[in-house]
Amino acid sequence: MADITAANSKFTLSVPDVFATSQLLQGYATDDAFSSEMIDVGEVILGVDGQASGAYLPALVPMDISLQADSASILTVFELWRSSNLAQQSNYLGQGVILLPGPGLQYLLKNGYLTRVTPFPQAKRILQPVRYRIVWESYAVGPMI
């Protein structure tokens, strides 16, 4: 049986207009490293005669990434991307790759825009994770190479 731990996952992000090389994300939040919600990829309607008809729907892929408050990736990746967008009044495109060794899967994330940020961690007994949202144009999944 495959090991399905998230501890050995790798997530690299590249934003060519902001940093020259792909960046390995570091310092994920303990219980919520990265996630996506379900997306609608089709729609089905039922005619008055009881016949079903279906259609493909293109869909954006929203993804949330949670980082510990002391993650180096806050400054070196996400705040650099956000501040570059702000300075240029633009929204630079990113690309992503997620490797999940346990199940042997690779996810390619295409044309992502940074759309939401947590400005600073909540200050509770300990500083809470910060979250970032990227909305991807599309993704592809396949075996790790």
Protein backbone atom coordinates (compact mmCIF):
# COMPACT_ATOMS: atom_id res chain seq x y z
CA MET A 1 0.00 0.00 0.00
CA ALA A 2 1.28 3.50 -0.86
CA ASP A 3 2.35 5.98 1.81
CA ILE A 4 0.00 8.95 1.55
CA THR A 5 1.80 11.40 3.81
CA ALA A 6 1.89 15.02 2.68
CA ALA A 7 5.22 15.51 4.48
CA ASN A 8 7.26 14.47 1.43
CA SER A 9 5.32 16.53 -1.10
CA LYS A 10 7.11 19.18 -3.15
CA PHE A 11 5.45 22.30 -4.54
CA THR A 12 7.39 24.59 -6.85
CA LEU A 13 6.09 27.88 -8.13
CA SER A 14 7.48 29.96 -10.96
CA VAL A 15 6.51 33.51 -11.86
CA PRO A 16 8.95 34.39 -14.66
CA ASP A 17 8.27 38.15 -14.52
CA VAL A 18 9.04 38.21 -10.78
CA PHE A 19 11.76 35.62 -10.04
CA ALA A 20 14.22 34.02 -12.43
CA THR A 21 13.98 30.42 -11.19
CA SER A 22 11.26 28.18 -9.79
CA GLN A 23 10.84 28.50 -6.04
CA LEU A 24 10.30 25.51 -3.73
CA LEU A 25 7.60 26.43 -1.22
CA GLN A 26 8.67 25.91 2.39
CA GLY A 27 7.02 26.04 5.79
CA TYR A 28 3.54 24.71 5.08
CA ALA A 29 0.93 25.02 7.79
CA THR A 30 0.58 21.86 9.86
CA ASP A 31 -2.92 20.72 8.95
CA ASP A 32 -3.63 22.60 5.75
CA ALA A 33 -0.66 22.89 3.37
CA PHE A 34 -2.59 23.42 0.15
CA SER A 35 -6.10 22.67 -1.00
CA SER A 36 -8.64 23.26 -3.71
CA GLU A 37 -12.39 23.18 -3.73
CA MET A 38 -14.51 21.10 -6.05
CA ILE A 39 -15.01 22.60 -9.50
CA ASP A 40 -17.87 22.12 -11.93
CA VAL A 41 -16.60 20.54 -15.15
CA GLY A 42 -19.94 19.62 -16.65
CA GLU A 43 -23.62 20.32 -16.47
CA VAL A 44 -26.54 18.01 -17.04
CA ILE A 45 -30.14 18.96 -17.72
CA LEU A 46 -33.18 16.76 -18.01
CA GLY A 47 -35.67 17.43 -20.75
CA VAL A 48 -39.42 17.23 -20.22
CA ASP A 49 -39.33 13.91 -22.08
CA GLY A 50 -36.95 12.44 -19.48
CA GLN A 51 -33.87 12.53 -21.73
CA ALA A 52 -30.70 13.85 -20.16
CA SER A 53 -28.31 16.14 -22.02
CA GLY A 54 -24.84 17.04 -20.82
CA ALA A 55 -22.25 19.66 -21.62
CA TYR A 56 -18.61 20.34 -20.80
CA LEU A 57 -17.97 23.47 -18.73
CA PRO A 58 -14.59 25.17 -18.64
CA ALA A 59 -13.66 25.93 -15.04
CA LEU A 60 -11.09 27.96 -13.17
CA VAL A 61 -9.21 26.08 -10.44
CA PRO A 62 -8.93 28.02 -7.15
CA MET A 63 -6.21 26.87 -4.76
CA ASP A 64 -5.42 27.96 -1.22
CA ILE A 65 -1.91 27.65 0.18
CA SER A 66 -1.34 27.95 3.93
CA LEU A 67 2.08 28.77 5.35
CA GLN A 68 3.34 28.91 8.91
CA ALA A 69 3.90 32.47 10.09
CA ASP A 70 7.68 31.96 9.97
CA SER A 71 7.82 30.44 6.47
CA ALA A 72 10.60 31.86 4.29
CA SER A 73 8.24 31.54 1.30
CA ILE A 74 6.08 34.39 2.62
CA LEU A 75 8.75 36.97 1.72
CA THR A 76 10.69 35.19 -1.02
CA VAL A 77 7.67 34.08 -3.03
CA PHE A 78 4.25 35.45 -2.16
CA GLU A 79 5.03 38.95 -0.89
CA LEU A 80 7.52 39.43 -3.72
CA TRP A 81 4.81 38.38 -6.21
CA ARG A 82 2.17 40.59 -4.54
CA SER A 83 4.43 43.64 -4.29
CA SER A 84 5.56 43.21 -7.93
CA ASN A 85 1.91 43.13 -9.01
CA LEU A 86 1.25 46.25 -6.95
CA ALA A 87 4.29 48.14 -8.26
CA GLN A 88 3.47 47.38 -11.90
CA GLN A 89 -0.33 47.51 -11.47
CA SER A 90 -0.42 44.13 -13.14
CA ASN A 91 -1.07 40.53 -12.18
CA TYR A 92 1.81 38.34 -13.25
CA LEU A 93 1.14 34.75 -14.27
CA GLY A 94 2.56 31.86 -12.30
CA GLN A 95 3.04 28.17 -13.06
CA GLY A 96 3.16 25.40 -10.50
CA VAL A 97 4.24 21.79 -10.06
CA ILE A 98 3.19 19.56 -7.19
CA LEU A 99 4.91 16.21 -6.63
CA LEU A 100 3.23 13.63 -4.38
CA PRO A 101 5.69 10.73 -4.01
CA GLY A 102 3.37 8.46 -2.00
CA PRO A 103 0.74 7.98 -4.70
CA GLY A 104 3.33 8.78 -7.40
CA LEU A 105 1.39 11.72 -8.84
CA GLN A 106 2.49 14.97 -10.45
CA TYR A 107 0.19 17.96 -10.90
CA LEU A 108 1.01 20.66 -13.44
CA LEU A 109 -0.72 23.96 -12.68
CA LYS A 110 -1.03 26.35 -15.60
CA ASN A 111 -1.41 30.13 -15.72
CA GLY A 112 -2.22 31.08 -12.16
CA TYR A 113 -3.05 34.52 -10.82
CA LEU A 114 -2.48 35.53 -7.20
CA THR A 115 -5.95 36.71 -6.17
CA ARG A 116 -6.13 36.72 -2.35
CA VAL A 117 -3.62 37.20 0.44
CA THR A 118 -3.65 37.24 4.22
CA PRO A 119 -1.93 40.57 5.01
CA PHE A 120 -0.42 39.30 8.28
CA PRO A 121 -0.83 36.33 10.63
CA GLN A 122 -3.42 36.43 13.37
CA ALA A 123 -1.63 37.02 16.66
CA LYS A 124 -3.06 34.48 19.10
CA ARG A 125 -1.10 32.41 21.65
CA ILE A 126 1.11 31.62 18.70
CA LEU A 127 1.09 33.31 15.32
CA GLN A 128 -1.39 31.63 13.01
CA PRO A 129 -0.74 30.48 9.42
CA VAL A 130 -1.22 32.89 6.53
CA ARG A 131 -3.12 31.94 3.41
CA TYR A 132 -2.74 32.79 -0.22
CA ARG A 133 -5.11 32.04 -3.08
CA ILE A 134 -4.02 31.35 -6.64
CA VAL A 135 -6.62 30.81 -9.34
CA TRP A 136 -5.29 28.51 -12.07
CA GLU A 137 -6.48 28.41 -15.66
CA SER A 138 -6.09 24.64 -15.76
CA TYR A 139 -4.29 21.66 -14.32
CA ALA A 140 -3.10 18.27 -15.52
CA VAL A 141 -2.35 15.21 -13.43
CA GLY A 142 -0.13 12.28 -14.34
CA PRO A 143 2.44 9.88 -12.97
CA MET A 144 5.60 11.30 -11.42
CA ILE A 145 8.53 11.05 -13.79
